[in-house]
Amino acid sequence: MKKQKDKRKLNSLRTQLPLSYASIALITTTLIGAVLLFIIWNYYHGLEEKYLNSNLHGTANSLTRIVEENDINDPKLLKDYSDVFQNQANITAFLIQSRMRVLDIDGNVVADSGTPSRSWSITIPRPKNDGTQQPSQTGTTSEERPSFSIEKSGQNYEGNPPPYSIQANPNMFGFLLEDSMNEEGKRSSVVAKEAFYGEEGIMLGYVELSEGPGYGQRIILNVLKGWAIASLIGLIVSVTFGWIMSRKLTKPLVELEKVAAEMKDGNYEIRSPILEPAELASLSGTFNQMAAHIQQSIETLRQFVSDAAHEIRTPLTSLRADLNLALSEKTAERSKPIVERSLEQVDRLDQLSRDLLDLSKLESRNTVERIEKIDLADLLAELSEVHASAAEQAGITFQLQFPSRKVYVHGDKSQLYRAVGNLLDNAVKFTPVGGKVILALRKWNGAAQITVEDTGIGIPSDEREMLFKRFHRGKNTQRYPGSGLGLAIAKTIVENHQGEIGISPDPERTIFFIRLPLVQGTKDND
């Protein structure tokens, strides 16, 4: 149970939304950081290559001058001048802050400055002056000008060190003239190599530059640290923002869930507040419409059960009394009229149950299922044949008033047939001999209007508002058979067709009307 609860919590919107924000932020910062680091590394790697290659050619030329001045034309002689090459390597390494190696043609090391990561001793010896030469006005001669040598610290001097000696410690960006050693960071991995030649063009060996200043190492490291800190901050902000947004989005859903829970417990009158944003407002509006429909359906069902129980009780009571009376009669002649009256009650119950079921189906669907284009004049002409015959047998005049052009509507033919038929049944039933029933069709304010007019017993003015309620029967109709559901069924059918049904306020005549939307764009309706 706890595992299921934890799983539901993990799969909830309140958890998934912050995780989604965090994932998006993590992926975005990772991609941006990776692209940024690649661009920076590529840029500084190019600078490192350019730096070594720009110094490589000059270094090779300096070695070429050394071998030419010392008449070195044999690669084997390089070892004899290793001190010269070593001094050159030290000076070059000091100046360009890179490692320099001199190699013979077989790849053997002749001189190696080593990794430029230790302090250097810059030694400037005193110029020799035995008093025979006087310095010129412009300074010392070239022979008197002191030379200097650069060696890595750590060597031992016999006696006192030379008077002109400077201790220098390298870092990534130059030298510090102090004794303490500083951490300089990683060196470049770029290696540059070029051959140098003797006077006769004989290749004597190679000069190799490596371990140059790592321009981008420290910068990339700092960028990497900054990117990690920014990513962490962005991740925290994203999770926080996602958490806030998840609470903001789920709050109206939780309220809607509470309303739904109360409806589940039987409170059908409760409604959801209009939520925000617009999508949730539409959802809450649709939910309220659904709740209203459910409430109406429940109330209709309750009313149906109540009305059915009330209306069925009376004929059942009469039927039971008549059957008991028929059983008590000793002869068939005396019980026959009682049985016939019981059969009438059974027929009434049968008609009542069918009407109730039909009305319940119409009200529960609240829509028209079989929609088709209907010519109302043809439908009414077909319907009038049955009722005209019944009117003729009852001594009633039956008239039709149809337009010359066709009138089309969309709807269920059988349902409209029944709705108008119920009005005609009532008109013929409640009209005395010598009366008149008129069935008319015309166009009225963009709608098709059907009217059923009769000169019958009339409807009291205080009962007109109750006509379309179920089981309502007027005071002057008690001696006429009926269930009181005909007009309720007609009203439901017409409303399901988006139409209108009512009675005209004419005190002398009874005129029922049905108005239905015309089919738009039909030539015959123009």
Protein backbone atom coordinates (compact mmCIF):
# COMPACT_ATOMS: atom_id res chain seq x y z
CA MET A 1 0.00 0.00 0.00
CA LYS A 2 2.82 2.37 0.89
CA LYS A 3 4.63 1.52 -2.34
CA GLN A 4 1.51 2.30 -4.37
CA LYS A 5 1.08 5.60 -2.52
CA ASP A 6 4.71 6.52 -3.13
CA LYS A 7 4.34 5.56 -6.79
CA ARG A 8 1.24 7.73 -7.18
CA LYS A 9 3.07 10.61 -5.50
CA LEU A 10 6.03 10.17 -7.83
CA ASN A 11 3.74 10.13 -10.88
CA SER A 12 1.74 13.15 -9.72
CA LEU A 13 1.88 16.48 -11.53
CA ARG A 14 3.30 18.17 -8.44
CA THR A 15 6.35 15.90 -8.64
CA GLN A 16 6.66 15.47 -12.39
CA LEU A 17 6.60 19.19 -13.22
CA PRO A 18 9.58 20.17 -11.01
CA LEU A 19 11.48 17.13 -12.29
CA SER A 20 10.71 18.16 -15.86
CA TYR A 21 11.94 21.70 -15.21
CA ALA A 22 15.08 20.31 -13.58
CA SER A 23 15.71 17.93 -16.49
CA ILE A 24 15.28 20.69 -19.06
CA ALA A 25 17.57 23.01 -17.10
CA LEU A 26 20.19 20.26 -16.67
CA ILE A 27 20.14 19.28 -20.35
CA THR A 28 20.26 22.92 -21.47
CA THR A 29 23.12 23.91 -19.18
CA THR A 30 25.05 20.75 -20.08
CA LEU A 31 24.73 21.41 -23.80
CA ILE A 32 25.59 25.11 -23.42
CA GLY A 33 28.54 24.29 -21.15
CA ALA A 34 29.84 21.58 -23.48
CA VAL A 35 29.62 23.84 -26.55
CA LEU A 36 31.18 26.76 -24.67
CA LEU A 37 34.07 24.66 -23.33
CA PHE A 38 34.70 23.17 -26.78
CA ILE A 39 34.81 26.62 -28.38
CA ILE A 40 37.16 27.98 -25.68
CA TRP A 41 39.40 24.90 -25.80
CA ASN A 42 39.56 24.98 -29.60
CA TYR A 43 40.41 28.68 -29.57
CA TYR A 44 43.18 28.44 -26.99
CA HIS A 45 44.54 25.20 -28.44
CA GLY A 46 44.94 27.06 -31.71
CA LEU A 47 46.73 29.87 -29.89
CA GLU A 48 49.10 27.35 -28.28
CA GLU A 49 49.91 25.79 -31.65
CA LYS A 50 50.39 29.21 -33.21
CA TYR A 51 52.65 30.30 -30.34
CA LEU A 52 55.00 27.30 -30.59
CA ASN A 53 55.06 27.29 -34.39
CA SER A 54 55.83 31.02 -34.47
CA ASN A 55 58.85 30.44 -32.17
CA LEU A 56 59.94 27.21 -33.79
CA HIS A 57 61.34 28.66 -37.01
CA GLY A 58 63.38 31.32 -35.21
CA THR A 59 64.77 28.72 -32.80
CA ALA A 60 65.83 26.47 -35.70
CA ASN A 61 67.54 29.42 -37.38
CA SER A 62 69.45 30.20 -34.17
CA LEU A 63 70.73 26.61 -34.07
CA THR A 64 71.69 26.83 -37.71
CA ARG A 65 73.81 29.94 -36.95
CA ILE A 66 75.48 28.12 -34.04
CA VAL A 67 76.50 25.13 -36.18
CA GLU A 68 77.71 27.44 -38.95
CA GLU A 69 79.84 29.52 -36.54
CA ASN A 70 81.35 26.37 -35.09
CA ASP A 71 81.79 24.62 -38.48
CA ILE A 72 79.67 21.67 -37.43
CA ASN A 73 78.91 19.67 -40.57
CA ASP A 74 78.64 16.21 -39.09
CA PRO A 75 75.69 15.15 -36.93
CA LYS A 76 78.06 13.15 -34.76
CA LEU A 77 79.76 16.37 -33.65
CA LEU A 78 76.61 17.67 -31.95
CA LYS A 79 77.49 15.83 -28.77
CA ASP A 80 80.79 17.70 -28.56
CA TYR A 81 78.89 21.00 -28.40
CA SER A 82 76.19 19.84 -26.01
CA ASP A 83 77.08 22.63 -23.52
CA VAL A 84 76.49 25.25 -26.20
CA PHE A 85 73.20 23.69 -27.22
CA GLN A 86 72.18 23.29 -23.59
CA ASN A 87 72.82 26.96 -22.91
CA GLN A 88 70.85 27.89 -26.02
CA ALA A 89 68.02 25.62 -24.90
CA ASN A 90 67.98 27.24 -21.46
CA ILE A 91 67.88 30.73 -22.88
CA THR A 92 65.16 29.89 -25.39
CA ALA A 93 63.12 28.03 -22.78
CA PHE A 94 63.45 30.98 -20.43
CA LEU A 95 62.34 33.45 -23.08
CA ILE A 96 59.39 31.56 -24.52
CA GLN A 97 58.53 29.65 -21.35
CA SER A 98 58.46 26.32 -23.15
CA ARG A 99 60.51 23.19 -23.17
CA MET A 100 63.19 22.98 -25.85
CA ARG A 101 65.03 19.86 -26.89
CA VAL A 102 67.81 19.46 -29.44
CA LEU A 103 67.80 16.05 -31.10
CA ASP A 104 70.18 14.45 -33.53
CA ILE A 105 68.95 12.81 -36.71
CA ASP A 106 68.53 9.52 -34.82
CA GLY A 107 66.29 11.13 -32.22
CA ASN A 108 68.87 11.10 -29.43
CA VAL A 109 68.72 14.02 -27.00
CA VAL A 110 71.61 16.46 -27.33
CA ALA A 111 70.21 19.18 -25.04
CA ASP A 112 67.03 19.46 -23.00
CA SER A 113 65.89 22.51 -21.06
CA GLY A 114 63.47 20.41 -19.10
CA THR A 115 59.99 21.40 -18.05
CA PRO A 116 59.94 25.16 -17.37
CA SER A 117 58.51 24.72 -13.91
CA ARG A 118 61.47 25.50 -11.63
CA SER A 119 63.18 28.77 -10.75
CA TRP A 120 65.94 30.08 -12.96
CA SER A 121 69.21 31.72 -12.02
CA ILE A 122 70.04 34.64 -14.30
CA THR A 123 73.80 35.24 -13.96
CA ILE A 124 75.52 38.35 -15.29
CA PRO A 125 79.32 38.17 -14.69
CA ARG A 126 81.39 41.30 -14.02
CA PRO A 127 83.20 42.70 -17.03
CA LYS A 128 86.93 42.18 -17.03
CA ASN A 129 88.86 45.41 -16.53
CA ASP A 130 92.64 45.25 -15.83
CA GLY A 131 93.01 49.02 -16.11
CA THR A 132 94.65 48.99 -19.58
CA GLN A 133 91.44 50.02 -21.27
CA GLN A 134 89.42 53.02 -20.46
CA PRO A 135 85.73 52.94 -21.03
CA SER A 136 84.62 55.03 -23.92
CA GLN A 137 82.33 57.96 -23.57
CA THR A 138 79.46 55.99 -24.90
CA GLY A 139 79.97 53.03 -22.60
CA THR A 140 81.83 49.74 -22.69
CA THR A 141 82.96 48.10 -25.90
CA SER A 142 81.40 44.98 -27.16
CA GLU A 143 84.27 42.97 -25.78
CA GLU A 144 83.81 44.61 -22.38
CA ARG A 145 80.00 44.28 -22.41
CA PRO A 146 79.10 41.52 -19.94
CA SER A 147 77.47 38.36 -21.19
CA PHE A 148 74.85 36.54 -19.20
CA SER A 149 73.91 32.95 -18.71
CA ILE A 150 70.67 31.37 -17.59
CA GLU A 151 70.68 28.18 -15.61
CA LYS A 152 68.12 26.38 -13.50
CA SER A 153 68.61 26.90 -9.80
CA GLY A 154 69.90 24.16 -7.62
CA GLN A 155 73.56 24.16 -8.75
CA ASN A 156 76.33 24.63 -6.22
CA TYR A 157 78.87 27.44 -6.42
CA GLU A 158 82.33 27.26 -4.97
CA GLY A 159 82.71 30.36 -2.90
CA ASN A 160 80.39 33.28 -3.21
CA PRO A 161 77.87 33.41 -6.06
CA PRO A 162 78.47 35.87 -8.90
CA PRO A 163 77.74 39.45 -7.94
CA TYR A 164 75.01 39.85 -10.57
CA SER A 165 72.55 37.04 -9.98
CA ILE A 166 68.76 37.20 -10.16
CA GLN A 167 66.51 34.38 -8.99
CA ALA A 168 63.31 34.17 -11.11
CA ASN A 169 60.39 31.84 -10.73
CA PRO A 170 58.14 31.25 -13.75
CA ASN A 171 54.37 31.25 -13.71
CA MET A 172 51.84 30.96 -16.49
CA PHE A 173 52.16 34.60 -17.51
CA GLY A 174 55.83 35.44 -16.92
CA PHE A 175 58.34 35.48 -14.05
CA LEU A 176 58.27 36.45 -10.42
CA LEU A 177 61.57 37.79 -9.14
CA GLU A 178 61.45 36.02 -5.83
CA ASP A 179 62.58 32.77 -4.30
CA SER A 180 59.23 31.20 -3.49
CA MET A 181 57.83 28.66 -5.95
CA ASN A 182 54.36 29.21 -7.37
CA GLU A 183 51.97 26.64 -8.77
CA GLU A 184 51.76 27.44 -12.45
CA GLY A 185 49.16 24.95 -13.67
CA LYS A 186 49.26 22.45 -16.50
CA ARG A 187 51.37 23.02 -19.59
CA SER A 188 50.23 22.79 -23.20
CA SER A 189 50.23 19.37 -24.84
CA VAL A 190 51.17 20.78 -28.26
CA VAL A 191 54.52 19.59 -29.70
CA ALA A 192 56.26 21.42 -32.57
CA LYS A 193 59.28 20.02 -34.37
CA GLU A 194 61.58 21.34 -37.15
CA ALA A 195 64.91 20.31 -38.62
CA PHE A 196 68.07 22.48 -38.62
CA TYR A 197 70.89 22.26 -41.16
CA GLY A 198 74.61 22.80 -41.49
CA GLU A 199 76.41 25.20 -43.80
CA GLU A 200 76.39 22.81 -46.72
CA GLY A 201 72.69 22.07 -46.29
CA ILE A 202 73.24 18.82 -44.43
CA MET A 203 70.48 18.09 -41.94
CA LEU A 204 72.09 17.77 -38.53
CA GLY A 205 69.13 17.28 -36.24
CA TYR A 206 65.86 18.59 -34.94
CA VAL A 207 64.69 21.24 -32.57
CA GLU A 208 61.55 20.38 -30.62
CA LEU A 209 59.37 22.80 -28.66
CA SER A 210 56.78 21.48 -26.23
CA GLU A 211 55.12 22.12 -22.89
CA GLY A 212 54.43 25.71 -23.84
CA PRO A 213 52.18 28.02 -21.87
CA GLY A 214 48.78 26.44 -21.47
CA TYR A 215 46.79 29.56 -22.35
CA GLY A 216 43.43 27.94 -21.98
CA GLN A 217 43.98 25.50 -19.14
CA ARG A 218 43.37 27.91 -16.30
CA ILE A 219 40.67 29.80 -18.21
CA ILE A 220 38.87 26.56 -19.08
CA LEU A 221 39.13 25.43 -15.49
CA ASN A 222 37.64 28.71 -14.27
CA VAL A 223 34.92 28.55 -16.93
CA LEU A 224 34.20 24.97 -15.90
CA LYS A 225 33.87 25.99 -12.26
CA GLY A 226 31.68 28.94 -13.17
CA TRP A 227 29.55 26.76 -15.42
CA ALA A 228 29.12 24.20 -12.64
CA ILE A 229 28.08 26.91 -10.16
CA ALA A 230 25.72 28.51 -12.69
CA SER A 231 24.25 25.10 -13.55
CA LEU A 232 23.68 24.32 -9.88
CA ILE A 233 22.00 27.69 -9.35
CA GLY A 234 19.93 27.24 -12.52
CA LEU A 235 18.93 23.76 -11.38
CA ILE A 236 17.84 25.04 -7.98
CA VAL A 237 15.93 27.94 -9.57
CA SER A 238 14.27 25.60 -12.09
CA VAL A 239 13.19 23.13 -9.42
CA THR A 240 11.86 25.97 -7.26
CA PHE A 241 10.02 27.56 -10.17
CA GLY A 242 8.66 24.15 -11.23
CA TRP A 243 7.48 23.50 -7.70
CA ILE A 244 5.71 26.88 -7.59
CA MET A 245 4.14 26.35 -11.00
CA SER A 246 3.05 22.81 -10.11
CA ARG A 247 1.30 24.11 -7.00
CA LYS A 248 -0.29 26.89 -9.03
CA LEU A 249 -1.50 24.51 -11.73
CA THR A 250 -2.66 21.73 -9.45
CA LYS A 251 -4.48 23.96 -6.97
CA PRO A 252 -7.53 24.46 -9.24
CA LEU A 253 -7.45 20.77 -10.16
CA VAL A 254 -7.52 19.87 -6.47
CA GLU A 255 -10.51 22.17 -6.02
CA LEU A 256 -12.23 20.52 -8.97
CA GLU A 257 -11.45 17.12 -7.47
CA LYS A 258 -13.08 18.17 -4.19
CA VAL A 259 -16.22 19.25 -6.05
CA ALA A 260 -16.29 15.93 -7.91
CA ALA A 261 -15.85 14.05 -4.61
CA GLU A 262 -18.84 15.87 -3.12
CA MET A 263 -20.91 15.01 -6.19
CA LYS A 264 -19.88 11.39 -5.75
CA ASP A 265 -21.22 11.56 -2.20
CA GLY A 266 -24.60 12.78 -3.48
CA ASN A 267 -24.33 16.57 -3.43
CA TYR A 268 -25.53 17.27 -6.99
CA GLU A 269 -26.16 20.96 -6.38
CA ILE A 270 -22.49 21.83 -5.85
CA ARG A 271 -20.67 23.63 -8.67
CA SER A 272 -17.03 24.34 -9.42
CA PRO A 273 -15.76 27.94 -9.32
CA ILE A 274 -14.53 29.33 -12.62
CA LEU A 275 -10.85 28.45 -12.60
CA GLU A 276 -7.83 30.05 -14.23
CA PRO A 277 -6.16 29.99 -16.76
CA ALA A 278 -8.51 29.90 -19.77
CA GLU A 279 -8.08 26.16 -20.37
CA LEU A 280 -9.10 25.36 -16.80
CA ALA A 281 -11.91 27.91 -17.02
CA SER A 282 -13.27 25.99 -19.99
CA LEU A 283 -12.84 22.73 -18.07
CA SER A 284 -14.67 24.05 -15.01
CA GLY A 285 -17.45 25.42 -17.22
CA THR A 286 -17.85 22.07 -18.96
CA PHE A 287 -17.80 20.33 -15.58
CA ASN A 288 -20.58 22.59 -14.28
CA GLN A 289 -22.64 21.89 -17.39
CA MET A 290 -22.14 18.17 -16.85
CA ALA A 291 -23.09 18.55 -13.19
CA ALA A 292 -26.24 20.46 -14.14
CA HIS A 293 -27.15 17.75 -16.65
CA ILE A 294 -26.58 15.04 -14.06
CA GLN A 295 -28.65 16.93 -11.52
CA GLN A 296 -31.44 17.37 -14.05
CA SER A 297 -31.29 13.69 -14.96
CA ILE A 298 -31.43 12.68 -11.29
CA GLU A 299 -34.33 15.03 -10.64
CA THR A 300 -36.11 13.76 -13.74
CA LEU A 301 -35.62 10.19 -12.59
CA ARG A 302 -36.93 11.00 -9.12
CA GLN A 303 -39.90 12.85 -10.61
CA PHE A 304 -40.49 9.97 -12.99
CA VAL A 305 -40.57 7.45 -10.17
CA SER A 306 -42.79 9.70 -8.08
CA ASP A 307 -45.20 10.45 -10.93
CA ALA A 308 -45.28 6.85 -12.08
CA ALA A 309 -46.05 5.60 -8.59
CA HIS A 310 -48.78 8.21 -8.19
CA GLU A 311 -50.39 7.68 -11.57
CA ILE A 312 -50.21 3.91 -11.50
CA ARG A 313 -51.65 3.69 -8.00
CA THR A 314 -55.10 4.98 -9.04
CA PRO A 315 -55.76 2.55 -11.93
CA LEU A 316 -54.26 -0.30 -9.93
CA THR A 317 -56.62 0.45 -7.04
CA SER A 318 -59.60 0.55 -9.41
CA LEU A 319 -58.40 -2.60 -11.16
CA ARG A 320 -58.04 -4.47 -7.87
CA ALA A 321 -61.48 -3.36 -6.74
CA ASP A 322 -63.08 -4.36 -10.05
CA LEU A 323 -61.39 -7.77 -10.05
CA ASN A 324 -62.48 -8.44 -6.48
CA LEU A 325 -65.99 -7.40 -7.41
CA ALA A 326 -65.93 -9.62 -10.50
CA LEU A 327 -64.85 -12.56 -8.34
CA SER A 328 -67.74 -11.96 -6.00
CA GLU A 329 -70.33 -12.06 -8.80
CA LYS A 330 -72.01 -15.43 -9.24
CA THR A 331 -72.85 -15.18 -12.95
CA ALA A 332 -70.80 -14.32 -16.01
CA GLU A 333 -73.42 -11.88 -17.21
CA ARG A 334 -73.01 -9.72 -14.12
CA SER A 335 -69.19 -9.96 -14.05
CA LYS A 336 -68.72 -9.23 -17.78
CA PRO A 337 -69.08 -5.41 -17.58
CA ILE A 338 -66.74 -5.38 -14.59
CA VAL A 339 -64.12 -7.34 -16.54
CA GLU A 340 -64.53 -5.01 -19.51
CA ARG A 341 -63.95 -2.03 -17.25
CA SER A 342 -60.86 -3.79 -15.85
CA LEU A 343 -59.55 -4.29 -19.35
CA GLU A 344 -59.93 -0.57 -19.94
CA GLN A 345 -57.84 0.05 -16.81
CA VAL A 346 -55.24 -2.41 -18.10
CA ASP A 347 -55.15 -0.59 -21.43
CA ARG A 348 -54.74 2.68 -19.60
CA LEU A 349 -51.86 1.23 -17.55
CA ASP A 350 -50.27 -0.13 -20.68
CA GLN A 351 -50.50 3.23 -22.44
CA LEU A 352 -49.25 5.02 -19.33
CA SER A 353 -46.22 2.76 -18.97
CA ARG A 354 -45.32 3.13 -22.66
CA ASP A 355 -45.68 6.91 -22.47
CA LEU A 356 -43.55 7.04 -19.34
CA LEU A 357 -40.81 4.96 -20.92
CA ASP A 358 -40.87 7.05 -24.10
CA LEU A 359 -40.73 10.29 -22.13
CA SER A 360 -37.87 8.95 -20.00
CA LYS A 361 -35.88 8.00 -23.10
CA LEU A 362 -36.48 11.38 -24.75
CA GLU A 363 -35.45 13.32 -21.65
CA SER A 364 -32.36 11.21 -20.95
CA ARG A 365 -30.99 11.48 -24.49
CA ASN A 366 -31.63 15.21 -24.81
CA THR A 367 -30.59 14.94 -28.47
CA VAL A 368 -31.98 13.85 -31.83
CA GLU A 369 -30.42 10.62 -33.05
CA ARG A 370 -31.68 10.13 -36.61
CA ILE A 371 -31.38 13.55 -38.21
CA GLU A 372 -32.51 13.96 -41.78
CA LYS A 373 -33.87 16.64 -44.07
CA ILE A 374 -37.67 16.62 -43.78
CA ASP A 375 -40.33 18.23 -45.96
CA LEU A 376 -42.85 19.35 -43.33
CA ALA A 377 -45.69 19.68 -45.81
CA ASP A 378 -45.34 16.02 -46.84
CA LEU A 379 -45.03 14.92 -43.18
CA LEU A 380 -48.15 16.84 -42.13
CA ALA A 381 -50.09 15.64 -45.17
CA GLU A 382 -49.31 12.04 -44.25
CA LEU A 383 -50.18 12.65 -40.61
CA SER A 384 -53.45 14.42 -41.42
CA GLU A 385 -54.90 11.40 -43.25
CA VAL A 386 -55.23 9.44 -39.98
CA HIS A 387 -56.64 12.31 -37.94
CA ALA A 388 -58.91 13.58 -40.72
CA SER A 389 -60.56 10.17 -40.75
CA ALA A 390 -61.01 10.24 -36.96
CA ALA A 391 -62.39 13.79 -37.17
CA GLU A 392 -64.85 12.79 -39.86
CA GLN A 393 -66.13 9.90 -37.74
CA ALA A 394 -66.59 12.31 -34.81
CA GLY A 395 -68.49 14.82 -36.95
CA ILE A 396 -65.66 17.39 -36.90
CA THR A 397 -64.46 19.48 -39.82
CA PHE A 398 -60.74 18.97 -40.53
CA GLN A 399 -58.88 21.59 -42.61
CA LEU A 400 -55.33 21.90 -43.94
CA GLN A 401 -53.52 25.18 -44.69
CA PHE A 402 -50.14 24.62 -46.36
CA PRO A 403 -47.90 27.05 -48.32
CA SER A 404 -47.27 26.58 -52.04
CA ARG A 405 -43.50 26.18 -51.53
CA LYS A 406 -41.84 23.36 -49.67
CA VAL A 407 -40.66 23.92 -46.12
CA TYR A 408 -37.61 21.92 -44.99
CA VAL A 409 -36.27 21.25 -41.50
CA HIS A 410 -33.70 18.89 -40.00
CA GLY A 411 -34.90 16.33 -37.50
CA ASP A 412 -36.19 12.88 -36.64
CA LYS A 413 -39.25 12.19 -38.77
CA SER A 414 -40.84 9.70 -36.37
CA GLN A 415 -40.42 12.01 -33.36
CA LEU A 416 -41.89 15.04 -35.13
CA TYR A 417 -44.70 12.83 -36.39
CA ARG A 418 -45.50 11.90 -32.79
CA ALA A 419 -45.23 15.48 -31.43
CA VAL A 420 -47.70 16.91 -33.96
CA GLY A 421 -49.83 13.77 -33.67
CA ASN A 422 -50.25 14.33 -29.91
CA LEU A 423 -51.54 17.85 -30.58
CA LEU A 424 -53.98 16.56 -33.21
CA ASP A 425 -55.16 13.76 -30.88
CA ASN A 426 -56.04 16.31 -28.22
CA ALA A 427 -57.69 18.64 -30.75
CA VAL A 428 -59.97 15.90 -32.12
CA LYS A 429 -60.60 14.42 -28.66
CA PHE A 430 -61.64 17.69 -27.00
CA THR A 431 -63.67 19.14 -29.93
CA PRO A 432 -67.42 18.42 -29.86
CA VAL A 433 -69.55 17.44 -32.84
CA GLY A 434 -69.83 20.23 -35.39
CA GLY A 435 -66.53 21.73 -34.33
CA LYS A 436 -63.49 22.44 -36.44
CA VAL A 437 -59.79 21.44 -36.37
CA ILE A 438 -57.28 23.32 -38.53
CA LEU A 439 -53.71 22.10 -39.21
CA ALA A 440 -51.61 24.90 -40.72
CA LEU A 441 -47.99 25.35 -41.82
CA ARG A 442 -46.22 28.62 -42.61
CA LYS A 443 -42.89 30.39 -42.28
CA TRP A 444 -42.56 32.77 -39.32
CA ASN A 445 -39.48 34.89 -38.53
CA GLY A 446 -37.06 32.48 -40.19
CA ALA A 447 -38.67 29.39 -38.68
CA ALA A 448 -41.22 26.80 -39.77
CA GLN A 449 -44.40 27.20 -37.69
CA ILE A 450 -46.97 24.44 -37.32
CA THR A 451 -50.28 25.38 -35.70
CA VAL A 452 -53.10 23.11 -34.50
CA GLU A 453 -56.31 25.06 -33.92
CA ASP A 454 -59.59 23.68 -32.59
CA THR A 455 -62.95 24.93 -31.38
CA GLY A 456 -63.09 22.50 -28.47
CA ILE A 457 -63.78 22.83 -24.78
CA GLY A 458 -61.00 25.36 -24.31
CA ILE A 459 -58.35 25.74 -21.63
CA PRO A 460 -58.94 27.74 -18.45
CA SER A 461 -56.56 30.69 -18.22
CA ASP A 462 -55.26 29.62 -14.79
CA GLU A 463 -54.15 26.24 -16.17
CA ARG A 464 -52.30 27.38 -19.29
CA GLU A 465 -48.92 27.49 -17.51
CA MET A 466 -49.37 23.89 -16.29
CA LEU A 467 -50.26 22.37 -19.68
CA PHE A 468 -46.85 20.89 -20.53
CA LYS A 469 -46.13 19.38 -17.12
CA ARG A 470 -46.32 15.63 -16.80
CA PHE A 471 -49.63 14.11 -15.68
CA HIS A 472 -51.35 17.48 -15.63
CA ARG A 473 -54.94 17.29 -16.78
CA GLY A 474 -57.35 20.18 -16.78
CA LYS A 475 -60.43 20.28 -14.63
CA ASN A 476 -62.68 20.12 -17.71
CA THR A 477 -60.93 17.03 -19.13
CA GLN A 478 -61.60 14.51 -16.39
CA ARG A 479 -64.30 12.69 -18.38
CA TYR A 480 -61.94 12.23 -21.33
CA PRO A 481 -59.43 9.35 -21.37
CA GLY A 482 -55.74 10.16 -21.27
CA SER A 483 -52.50 9.87 -19.28
CA GLY A 484 -51.53 13.54 -19.09
CA LEU A 485 -48.22 12.86 -20.83
CA GLY A 486 -49.01 13.77 -24.44
CA LEU A 487 -48.08 17.45 -24.23
CA ALA A 488 -45.00 16.70 -22.05
CA ILE A 489 -43.76 14.27 -24.72
CA ALA A 490 -44.43 16.80 -27.49
CA LYS A 491 -42.57 19.51 -25.57
CA THR A 492 -39.51 17.28 -25.02
CA ILE A 493 -39.38 16.29 -28.70
CA VAL A 494 -39.62 19.89 -29.92
CA GLU A 495 -36.96 21.12 -27.48
CA ASN A 496 -34.64 18.31 -28.55
CA HIS A 497 -35.02 19.70 -32.10
CA GLN A 498 -33.97 23.17 -30.85
CA GLY A 499 -37.54 24.33 -31.39
CA GLU A 500 -40.29 26.00 -29.41
CA ILE A 501 -43.79 24.84 -28.45
CA GLY A 502 -46.56 26.81 -26.81
CA ILE A 503 -50.15 27.99 -26.87
CA SER A 504 -51.41 31.27 -28.31
CA PRO A 505 -53.11 33.66 -25.89
CA ASP A 506 -56.48 33.50 -27.64
CA PRO A 507 -59.35 33.19 -25.13
CA GLU A 508 -61.88 32.06 -27.76
CA ARG A 509 -59.85 29.44 -29.58
CA THR A 510 -57.24 26.85 -28.61
CA ILE A 511 -54.19 27.27 -30.83
CA PHE A 512 -51.01 25.25 -30.18
CA PHE A 513 -47.91 26.11 -32.18
CA ILE A 514 -44.58 24.41 -32.89
CA ARG A 515 -41.67 26.40 -34.33
CA LEU A 516 -38.64 24.64 -35.82
CA PRO A 517 -35.43 26.06 -37.39
CA LEU A 518 -35.51 26.09 -41.18
CA VAL A 519 -32.80 24.39 -43.22
CA GLN A 520 -30.41 27.19 -44.20
CA GLY A 521 -29.41 27.68 -47.83
CA THR A 522 -32.34 25.73 -49.30
CA LYS A 523 -33.79 27.40 -52.39
CA ASP A 524 -37.36 26.45 -51.61
CA ASN A 525 -37.09 28.13 -48.21
CA ASP A 526 -36.22 31.53 -49.69
